[in-house]
Every structure is written in C-alpha cells, then in structure tokens.
Amino acid sequence: MKIIFFLIILSLLIALGFLAAFIWAVRSGQYDDDYTPSVRILFDDKKTDSE
C-alpha cells in the first residue's frame, strides 16, 4: 500500500512539473506567433550583393 501512495505522489509531482513548464513557456512568449512560421517559406529572401 505504501508503494501506491508513493507512486501517486510521484506522478502528481511530475504532472506539476510539466504544468509549471507549460505556464513558463506561455508567459515567456513561446506560443505568441503561430501564423508566421507556416507562411515564412512562401516569402522570397532579399538578395544580397554577394549573390
């Protein structure tokens, strides 16, 4: 019975860790721009003098 309680507590700690990582990612702006990467391939790059 002790191992069940240990595993439940361990899984809750891991889940809280993932939740904290997700909240940190959202607050740091990781999910702000979800449109530009999908259309970036369609834009032509500007040519430099060396090309």
N, C-alpha and C. Protein backbone atom coordinates (compact mmCIF):
# COMPACT_ATOMS: atom_id res chain seq x y z
N MET A 1 0.82 -1.20 0.00
CA MET A 1 0.00 0.00 0.00
C MET A 1 0.86 1.26 0.00
N LYS A 2 2.02 1.18 0.64
CA LYS A 2 2.91 2.35 0.67
C LYS A 2 3.41 2.71 -0.72
N ILE A 3 3.65 1.70 -1.54
CA ILE A 3 4.16 1.98 -2.88
C ILE A 3 3.12 2.68 -3.74
N ILE A 4 1.85 2.38 -3.52
CA ILE A 4 0.79 3.06 -4.29
C ILE A 4 0.76 4.54 -3.94
N PHE A 5 0.83 4.84 -2.65
CA PHE A 5 0.85 6.25 -2.24
C PHE A 5 2.10 6.96 -2.77
N PHE A 6 3.23 6.27 -2.75
CA PHE A 6 4.46 6.85 -3.27
C PHE A 6 4.35 7.15 -4.76
N LEU A 7 3.77 6.21 -5.52
CA LEU A 7 3.64 6.41 -6.96
C LEU A 7 2.63 7.51 -7.29
N ILE A 8 1.56 7.62 -6.50
CA ILE A 8 0.60 8.69 -6.72
C ILE A 8 1.24 10.05 -6.46
N ILE A 9 1.97 10.16 -5.38
CA ILE A 9 2.66 11.43 -5.06
C ILE A 9 3.70 11.74 -6.11
N LEU A 10 4.45 10.74 -6.55
CA LEU A 10 5.47 10.95 -7.59
C LEU A 10 4.83 11.41 -8.90
N SER A 11 3.72 10.79 -9.28
CA SER A 11 3.07 11.20 -10.53
C SER A 11 2.49 12.60 -10.42
N LEU A 12 1.99 12.98 -9.27
CA LEU A 12 1.49 14.34 -9.09
C LEU A 12 2.62 15.36 -9.15
N LEU A 13 3.77 15.04 -8.61
CA LEU A 13 4.93 15.93 -8.68
C LEU A 13 5.40 16.10 -10.13
N ILE A 14 5.42 15.02 -10.87
CA ILE A 14 5.82 15.10 -12.27
C ILE A 14 4.81 15.92 -13.07
N ALA A 15 3.51 15.71 -12.81
CA ALA A 15 2.48 16.48 -13.50
C ALA A 15 2.59 17.96 -13.16
N LEU A 16 2.87 18.29 -11.92
CA LEU A 16 3.05 19.69 -11.53
C LEU A 16 4.28 20.29 -12.21
N GLY A 17 5.31 19.49 -12.40
CA GLY A 17 6.49 19.96 -13.11
C GLY A 17 6.18 20.30 -14.56
N PHE A 18 5.42 19.43 -15.22
CA PHE A 18 5.02 19.72 -16.61
C PHE A 18 4.10 20.93 -16.68
N LEU A 19 3.21 21.08 -15.71
CA LEU A 19 2.33 22.24 -15.69
C LEU A 19 3.13 23.52 -15.50
N ALA A 20 4.11 23.49 -14.61
CA ALA A 20 4.96 24.66 -14.40
C ALA A 20 5.75 25.00 -15.66
N ALA A 21 6.26 23.99 -16.36
CA ALA A 21 7.00 24.23 -17.60
C ALA A 21 6.09 24.83 -18.67
N PHE A 22 4.85 24.36 -18.75
CA PHE A 22 3.91 24.90 -19.72
C PHE A 22 3.56 26.35 -19.40
N ILE A 23 3.31 26.64 -18.14
CA ILE A 23 2.98 28.02 -17.75
C ILE A 23 4.17 28.93 -18.02
N TRP A 24 5.39 28.47 -17.75
CA TRP A 24 6.57 29.27 -18.03
C TRP A 24 6.69 29.55 -19.53
N ALA A 25 6.42 28.53 -20.35
CA ALA A 25 6.52 28.70 -21.81
C ALA A 25 5.48 29.70 -22.31
N VAL A 26 4.29 29.65 -21.77
CA VAL A 26 3.25 30.59 -22.21
C VAL A 26 3.60 32.01 -21.79
N ARG A 27 4.09 32.17 -20.57
CA ARG A 27 4.42 33.51 -20.09
C ARG A 27 5.66 34.10 -20.78
N SER A 28 6.55 33.25 -21.25
CA SER A 28 7.75 33.76 -21.91
C SER A 28 7.53 34.00 -23.39
N GLY A 29 6.33 33.73 -23.90
CA GLY A 29 6.01 34.07 -25.28
C GLY A 29 6.30 32.99 -26.31
N GLN A 30 6.41 31.76 -25.89
CA GLN A 30 6.71 30.69 -26.84
C GLN A 30 5.56 30.43 -27.81
N TYR A 31 4.35 30.78 -27.45
CA TYR A 31 3.19 30.48 -28.28
C TYR A 31 2.55 31.74 -28.85
N ASP A 32 3.26 32.84 -28.89
CA ASP A 32 2.67 34.09 -29.35
C ASP A 32 2.41 34.11 -30.85
N ASP A 33 3.36 33.68 -31.64
CA ASP A 33 3.23 33.79 -33.10
C ASP A 33 3.09 32.39 -33.70
N ASP A 34 1.87 32.03 -34.03
CA ASP A 34 1.66 30.71 -34.61
C ASP A 34 1.32 30.78 -36.09
N TYR A 35 1.32 31.97 -36.68
CA TYR A 35 0.98 32.10 -38.10
C TYR A 35 2.22 32.26 -38.97
N THR A 36 3.16 33.06 -38.56
CA THR A 36 4.32 33.39 -39.39
C THR A 36 5.15 32.17 -39.80
N PRO A 37 5.46 31.23 -38.92
CA PRO A 37 6.29 30.11 -39.37
C PRO A 37 5.66 29.29 -40.50
N SER A 38 4.34 29.24 -40.56
CA SER A 38 3.71 28.43 -41.60
C SER A 38 3.75 29.10 -42.96
N VAL A 39 3.90 30.42 -43.02
CA VAL A 39 3.94 31.11 -44.31
C VAL A 39 5.32 31.68 -44.62
N ARG A 40 6.27 31.49 -43.76
CA ARG A 40 7.62 32.04 -43.98
C ARG A 40 8.25 31.45 -45.22
N ILE A 41 7.96 30.21 -45.53
CA ILE A 41 8.54 29.56 -46.70
C ILE A 41 8.04 30.20 -48.00
N LEU A 42 6.90 30.87 -47.96
CA LEU A 42 6.33 31.46 -49.17
C LEU A 42 6.97 32.79 -49.55
N PHE A 43 7.64 33.44 -48.61
CA PHE A 43 8.25 34.74 -48.89
C PHE A 43 9.63 34.55 -49.49
N ASP A 44 9.96 35.39 -50.47
CA ASP A 44 11.30 35.35 -51.07
C ASP A 44 12.27 36.09 -50.17
N ASP A 45 13.46 35.54 -50.06
CA ASP A 45 14.51 36.23 -49.30
C ASP A 45 15.07 37.34 -50.15
N LYS A 46 15.50 38.41 -49.50
CA LYS A 46 16.12 39.51 -50.24
C LYS A 46 17.53 39.09 -50.63
N LYS A 47 17.90 39.37 -51.86
CA LYS A 47 19.22 39.01 -52.33
C LYS A 47 20.24 40.03 -51.87
N THR A 48 21.41 39.54 -51.51
CA THR A 48 22.49 40.43 -51.12
C THR A 48 23.40 40.67 -52.30
N ASP A 49 24.39 41.53 -52.14
CA ASP A 49 25.33 41.84 -53.22
C ASP A 49 26.20 40.66 -53.63
N SER A 50 26.44 39.76 -52.70
CA SER A 50 27.35 38.64 -52.98
C SER A 50 26.69 37.55 -53.81
N GLU A 51 25.39 37.59 -54.01
CA GLU A 51 24.72 36.53 -54.79
C GLU A 51 24.61 36.88 -56.24
